[in-house]
Amino acid sequence: MTDITADIAQAGTFPLGDRNVKRLGYGAMQLAGPGVFGPPKDRAAAVAVLRAAVAAGVDHIDTSDFYGPHVTNQIIGEALHPYPDGLVIVTKVGAKRGADASWNPAFSAEDLTQAVHDNLRNLGVDVLDVVNLRLMFDVHGPAEGSIEAPLTVLAELQRQGLIRRIGLSNATPRQVADGRRITDIVCVQNQYNLAHRGDDAFIDDLAAAGIAYVPFFPLGGFSPLQSDTLSEAAAGLGATPMQVALAWLLRRSPNILLIPGTSSLGHLRENLAAAELRLPDDAMAALDRIGAA
C-alpha cells in the first residue's frame, strides 16, 4: 500500500522567493547509503518514496550533489524527471566529500562552479530552482566568517541563468545580513528542533523579512529526539512523538518549511500526516519547555 491520504495542504504555504510551496516538504539526504555516502541498499525503494511524496502533494524537495556524492540527485532524476510543474528542488553547494566520507569545505570559485554544474547534470535540468550556500567555517554549527567571495560566485552564476534563487545554510544573522547586500536570500537552512532552539530570535527576524527558515534535523538528526514530555504529548493526542515534533515546528512560526527525510514509505506517511495535527495550547506550552530545560 503506497497511497498517502494525508492532506499536507493543511500545513499551509510560504514563499520560497517568488514561489509559494507547501510548508511540509521532503529531504532527500537519507536516500544515500550509510553516513550519506555511497548508494542505498534498496534503490527501488528510494525511487518509490520520492514518487509517493510527490503524489501526496509534496512540492519542495531538499537535496545536494554532495549527498552520496551524486547519489541522491541521480535517484531524484530517475524517480521524477521530467519534473512536474510546481515542484521546487533546493540543493546545496559549498562542501564536498572525501574518499573517507569526510565533509570538507569547497568554497573556491572553481569548486562552486563545478558543484553547480554537477547539480545541473545529475538532476537533469538547465537551471537550479534554489541553491543554498552551505557555510563550513564550523562543520558543527554556524560560525562567523566572510561569505562575500563564495556568494559573489553564486550571484554571478545566477546572473548567467544557471540559478534562480539563492539561500544560506549553517548561517548566522550577520552572514544573512551581509548576504542580502550581495543578492536576495530566499531561505536559511540551519539546525533547529524542539530541543535545539538557538535560532529562536533569528527565526522571528527572518519571518518579519519574509524569508523562509528550513530546519534540518527537525526530528533530531543522527540522535533522534527523545523526551518524556514529547512522548506524553503524543500519547495524549493519539499521535507519534515525531508527528508532534513536526507539528510543533509548523506552529512555531509561519515561515518554517519542513524537510523531514526518510527512506521508508511508512515513515513518509507518518511524517506527512503531521500536517493534519493540531496542537492545543497546553501541549505547545509543555513542548516549549523542552528547549528551555
Protein backbone atom coordinates (compact mmCIF):
# COMPACT_ATOMS: atom_id res chain seq x y z
CA MET A 1 0.00 0.00 0.00
CA THR A 2 1.71 3.20 -1.19
CA ASP A 3 -1.23 5.63 -1.17
CA ILE A 4 -0.77 8.50 1.27
CA THR A 5 -4.01 10.21 2.18
CA ALA A 6 -2.69 12.99 4.43
CA ASP A 7 -3.78 16.46 3.31
CA ILE A 8 -0.46 18.29 3.52
CA ALA A 9 -2.11 21.48 2.28
CA GLN A 10 -3.44 21.85 5.83
CA ALA A 11 0.08 22.88 6.86
CA GLY A 12 -0.25 25.98 4.68
CA THR A 13 2.23 27.55 2.29
CA PHE A 14 5.05 30.09 2.46
CA PRO A 15 7.03 31.88 -0.25
CA LEU A 16 10.39 30.49 -1.30
CA GLY A 17 11.45 33.52 -3.26
CA ASP A 18 8.73 34.12 -5.84
CA ARG A 19 7.27 30.63 -5.49
CA ASN A 20 4.80 29.52 -2.84
CA VAL A 21 5.46 25.99 -1.60
CA LYS A 22 3.64 23.78 0.86
CA ARG A 23 5.24 24.02 4.29
CA LEU A 24 5.71 20.25 4.57
CA GLY A 25 8.32 19.05 2.09
CA TYR A 26 10.82 16.22 1.84
CA GLY A 27 14.57 15.95 2.50
CA ALA A 28 16.48 13.50 0.30
CA MET A 29 19.61 13.05 2.43
CA GLN A 30 18.59 9.63 3.74
CA LEU A 31 18.27 8.23 0.22
CA ALA A 32 22.06 7.76 0.08
CA GLY A 33 23.92 4.97 1.84
CA PRO A 34 25.01 4.87 5.49
CA GLY A 35 26.62 8.12 6.58
CA VAL A 36 25.10 9.79 3.49
CA PHE A 37 27.82 8.07 1.47
CA GLY A 38 27.53 5.63 -1.40
CA PRO A 39 24.39 4.07 -2.83
CA PRO A 40 21.32 2.99 -0.85
CA LYS A 41 20.70 -0.64 -0.02
CA ASP A 42 17.46 -0.53 -2.00
CA ARG A 43 17.42 1.94 -4.88
CA ALA A 44 13.94 0.88 -5.97
CA ALA A 45 12.61 1.72 -2.51
CA ALA A 46 14.23 5.15 -2.67
CA VAL A 47 12.58 5.80 -6.03
CA ALA A 48 9.24 4.68 -4.61
CA VAL A 49 9.50 7.05 -1.63
CA LEU A 50 10.17 10.04 -3.87
CA ARG A 51 7.29 9.22 -6.18
CA ALA A 52 4.95 8.70 -3.22
CA ALA A 53 5.97 12.04 -1.71
CA VAL A 54 5.23 13.95 -4.90
CA ALA A 55 1.99 12.01 -5.44
CA ALA A 56 0.95 13.09 -1.93
CA GLY A 57 1.41 16.75 -2.88
CA VAL A 58 4.96 17.49 -1.77
CA ASP A 59 6.28 20.34 -3.93
CA HIS A 60 9.56 21.12 -2.13
CA ILE A 61 12.44 18.63 -2.16
CA ASP A 62 15.78 19.35 -0.50
CA THR A 63 18.93 17.66 -1.77
CA SER A 64 22.61 18.16 -2.60
CA ASP A 65 25.03 16.66 -5.04
CA PHE A 66 27.42 16.01 -2.13
CA TYR A 67 24.91 13.50 -0.73
CA GLY A 68 26.41 10.24 -1.89
CA PRO A 69 28.09 12.11 -3.58
CA HIS A 70 25.84 12.39 -6.67
CA VAL A 71 23.61 9.55 -5.47
CA THR A 72 20.51 11.39 -4.26
CA ASN A 73 20.35 13.72 -7.25
CA GLN A 74 20.63 10.81 -9.63
CA ILE A 75 17.83 8.98 -7.80
CA ILE A 76 15.67 12.11 -7.87
CA GLY A 77 16.21 12.35 -11.61
CA GLU A 78 15.37 8.69 -12.11
CA ALA A 79 12.23 8.90 -9.98
CA LEU A 80 10.76 12.22 -11.03
CA HIS A 81 12.22 13.52 -14.31
CA PRO A 82 10.59 15.12 -16.25
CA TYR A 83 9.64 17.06 -13.16
CA PRO A 84 6.02 18.04 -12.55
CA ASP A 85 5.08 21.69 -12.81
CA GLY A 86 5.31 23.40 -9.44
CA LEU A 87 7.98 21.12 -7.96
CA VAL A 88 10.81 23.14 -6.39
CA ILE A 89 14.12 21.31 -5.92
CA VAL A 90 16.52 23.00 -3.50
CA THR A 91 20.16 21.95 -3.50
CA LYS A 92 23.34 22.91 -1.64
CA VAL A 93 26.92 23.70 -2.58
CA GLY A 94 29.97 24.65 -0.51
CA ALA A 95 31.10 21.22 0.64
CA LYS A 96 32.50 18.08 -0.89
CA ARG A 97 33.07 14.54 0.33
CA GLY A 98 36.44 12.95 0.88
CA ALA A 99 37.21 9.38 -0.06
CA ASP A 100 36.87 8.58 3.65
CA ALA A 101 33.30 10.05 3.64
CA SER A 102 34.53 13.23 5.39
CA TRP A 103 32.73 16.55 4.87
CA ASN A 104 35.14 19.19 3.57
CA PRO A 105 34.81 22.87 2.62
CA ALA A 106 34.59 23.60 -1.11
CA PHE A 107 34.39 27.40 -1.28
CA SER A 108 36.66 28.27 -4.19
CA ALA A 109 35.17 29.72 -7.37
CA GLU A 110 36.22 26.56 -9.21
CA ASP A 111 34.63 24.28 -6.60
CA LEU A 112 31.37 26.22 -6.51
CA THR A 113 31.08 26.45 -10.29
CA GLN A 114 31.78 22.74 -10.64
CA ALA A 115 29.22 21.94 -7.95
CA VAL A 116 26.51 23.93 -9.73
CA HIS A 117 27.24 22.13 -12.99
CA ASP A 118 27.29 18.75 -11.21
CA ASN A 119 23.85 19.50 -9.76
CA LEU A 120 22.51 20.58 -13.14
CA ARG A 121 23.79 17.43 -14.81
CA ASN A 122 22.70 14.92 -12.18
CA LEU A 123 19.26 16.47 -11.72
CA GLY A 124 18.84 16.77 -15.48
CA VAL A 125 17.86 20.46 -15.52
CA ASP A 126 19.06 23.63 -17.26
CA VAL A 127 18.60 25.86 -14.21
CA LEU A 128 18.56 25.15 -10.47
CA ASP A 129 15.48 26.38 -8.59
CA VAL A 130 17.27 27.25 -5.34
CA VAL A 131 20.93 26.85 -4.37
CA ASN A 132 21.91 27.11 -0.71
CA LEU A 133 25.48 28.05 0.07
CA ARG A 134 26.48 25.68 2.86
CA LEU A 135 28.86 27.55 5.16
CA MET A 136 31.69 25.43 6.54
CA PHE A 137 33.51 27.72 8.94
CA ASP A 138 32.48 25.20 11.60
CA VAL A 139 31.02 21.91 10.39
CA HIS A 140 29.13 21.50 13.68
CA GLY A 141 27.18 24.76 13.55
CA PRO A 142 27.06 28.38 12.41
CA ALA A 143 30.27 30.37 12.88
CA GLU A 144 31.26 33.83 11.73
CA GLY A 145 33.33 34.26 8.58
CA SER A 146 33.14 36.30 5.39
CA ILE A 147 30.79 34.91 2.75
CA GLU A 148 31.38 37.69 0.21
CA ALA A 149 33.67 35.74 -2.12
CA PRO A 150 31.68 32.48 -2.43
CA LEU A 151 28.31 34.23 -2.52
CA THR A 152 29.54 36.56 -5.25
CA VAL A 153 30.40 33.47 -7.32
CA LEU A 154 26.86 32.14 -6.91
CA ALA A 155 25.37 35.54 -7.69
CA GLU A 156 27.32 35.58 -10.95
CA LEU A 157 26.07 32.10 -11.84
CA GLN A 158 22.58 33.40 -11.05
CA ARG A 159 23.10 36.28 -13.50
CA GLN A 160 24.18 33.72 -16.08
CA GLY A 161 20.81 31.99 -15.71
CA LEU A 162 22.03 28.79 -14.03
CA ILE A 163 20.42 29.55 -10.63
CA ARG A 164 17.00 31.10 -9.96
CA ARG A 165 17.23 31.76 -6.21
CA ILE A 166 19.92 31.65 -3.52
CA GLY A 167 19.81 30.72 0.17
CA LEU A 168 22.25 30.13 3.00
CA SER A 169 22.83 27.07 5.20
CA ASN A 170 24.58 26.90 8.57
CA ALA A 171 24.47 30.70 8.69
CA THR A 172 24.50 33.41 11.34
CA PRO A 173 22.26 36.52 11.35
CA ARG A 174 25.27 38.66 10.42
CA GLN A 175 26.03 36.46 7.41
CA VAL A 176 22.43 36.71 6.22
CA ALA A 177 22.57 40.49 6.54
CA ASP A 178 25.86 40.56 4.63
CA GLY A 179 24.48 38.19 2.01
CA ARG A 180 21.40 40.30 1.38
CA ARG A 181 23.69 43.16 0.32
CA ILE A 182 25.00 40.89 -2.46
CA THR A 183 21.83 39.12 -3.63
CA ASP A 184 18.34 38.23 -2.45
CA ILE A 185 18.41 35.49 0.18
CA VAL A 186 15.19 33.45 -0.03
CA CYS A 187 15.82 30.91 2.75
CA VAL A 188 18.05 29.98 5.66
CA GLN A 189 18.67 26.34 6.47
CA ASN A 190 20.02 25.70 9.97
CA GLN A 191 19.71 23.04 12.64
CA TYR A 192 16.60 23.61 14.74
CA ASN A 193 14.09 21.42 16.55
CA LEU A 194 12.23 21.10 19.85
CA ALA A 195 15.45 20.64 21.80
CA HIS A 196 17.87 22.70 19.68
CA ARG A 197 16.46 26.23 19.97
CA GLY A 198 19.40 28.56 19.43
CA ASP A 199 17.78 30.23 16.41
CA ASP A 200 14.54 31.30 18.13
CA ALA A 201 15.08 35.05 17.72
CA PHE A 202 16.67 34.55 14.28
CA ILE A 203 13.56 32.74 13.01
CA ASP A 204 11.33 35.60 14.13
CA ASP A 205 13.55 38.18 12.40
CA LEU A 206 13.53 36.16 9.18
CA ALA A 207 9.74 35.82 9.34
CA ALA A 208 9.44 39.60 9.58
CA ALA A 209 11.62 39.89 6.46
CA GLY A 210 9.58 37.29 4.55
CA ILE A 211 12.49 34.82 4.41
CA ALA A 212 11.82 31.09 4.79
CA TYR A 213 13.56 29.16 7.56
CA VAL A 214 14.19 25.49 6.82
CA PRO A 215 15.27 23.48 9.88
CA PHE A 216 17.47 20.49 9.17
CA PHE A 217 17.38 17.63 11.64
CA PRO A 218 13.78 18.58 12.56
CA LEU A 219 13.46 15.19 14.26
CA GLY A 220 16.84 15.35 15.99
CA GLY A 221 19.07 14.03 13.23
CA PHE A 222 21.51 11.24 13.98
CA SER A 223 20.42 11.32 17.65
CA PRO A 224 16.61 11.19 17.45
CA LEU A 225 14.60 13.38 19.80
CA GLN A 226 13.72 11.56 22.99
CA SER A 227 11.72 13.26 25.75
CA ASP A 228 9.16 12.12 28.26
CA THR A 229 7.28 15.38 27.66
CA LEU A 230 7.19 14.74 23.92
CA SER A 231 6.07 11.14 24.40
CA GLU A 232 3.33 12.19 26.84
CA ALA A 233 2.04 14.88 24.49
CA ALA A 234 1.98 12.39 21.62
CA ALA A 235 0.09 9.80 23.67
CA GLY A 236 -2.50 12.38 24.65
CA LEU A 237 -3.06 13.34 21.03
CA GLY A 238 -3.06 9.83 19.61
CA ALA A 239 -0.02 10.68 17.50
CA THR A 240 3.60 9.61 17.34
CA PRO A 241 6.35 11.66 19.01
CA MET A 242 7.81 12.51 15.61
CA GLN A 243 4.47 13.78 14.33
CA VAL A 244 4.18 16.02 17.38
CA ALA A 245 7.73 17.33 16.89
CA LEU A 246 6.89 18.25 13.29
CA ALA A 247 3.54 19.78 14.24
CA TRP A 248 5.30 21.91 16.87
CA LEU A 249 7.63 23.27 14.19
CA LEU A 250 4.72 24.05 11.88
CA ARG A 251 3.02 26.02 14.64
CA ARG A 252 6.25 27.63 15.88
CA SER A 253 6.41 30.16 13.02
CA PRO A 254 4.66 30.55 9.65
CA ASN A 255 7.95 30.91 7.76
CA ILE A 256 9.20 27.45 8.77
CA LEU A 257 9.36 24.96 5.90
CA LEU A 258 9.88 21.34 6.92
CA ILE A 259 12.01 18.79 5.07
CA PRO A 260 11.87 15.60 7.15
CA GLY A 261 13.72 12.82 5.39
CA THR A 262 13.19 9.09 5.27
CA SER A 263 13.84 6.12 3.02
CA SER A 264 10.71 4.36 4.30
CA LEU A 265 7.19 4.67 2.89
CA GLY A 266 5.79 4.06 6.37
CA HIS A 267 7.80 6.90 7.89
CA LEU A 268 6.94 9.15 4.95
CA ARG A 269 3.26 8.53 5.60
CA GLU A 270 3.76 9.28 9.30
CA ASN A 271 5.70 12.48 8.62
CA LEU A 272 3.19 13.89 6.13
CA ALA A 273 0.28 13.19 8.47
CA ALA A 274 1.77 15.80 10.83
CA ALA A 275 0.22 18.43 8.54
CA GLU A 276 -3.19 17.49 9.92
CA LEU A 277 -2.19 17.51 13.60
CA ARG A 278 -3.31 20.48 15.66
CA LEU A 279 -1.51 21.06 18.94
CA PRO A 280 -3.57 22.61 21.75
CA ASP A 281 -2.09 25.49 23.71
CA ASP A 282 -1.28 23.37 26.77
CA ALA A 283 0.68 20.90 24.65
CA MET A 284 2.58 23.76 22.98
CA ALA A 285 3.47 25.22 26.37
CA ALA A 286 4.75 21.87 27.64
CA LEU A 287 6.75 21.26 24.47
CA ASP A 288 8.26 24.76 24.58
CA ARG A 289 9.76 23.92 27.94
CA ILE A 290 11.86 21.12 26.37
CA GLY A 291 14.10 23.70 24.72
CA ALA A 292 14.41 25.70 27.92
CA ALA A 293 15.45 22.71 30.02
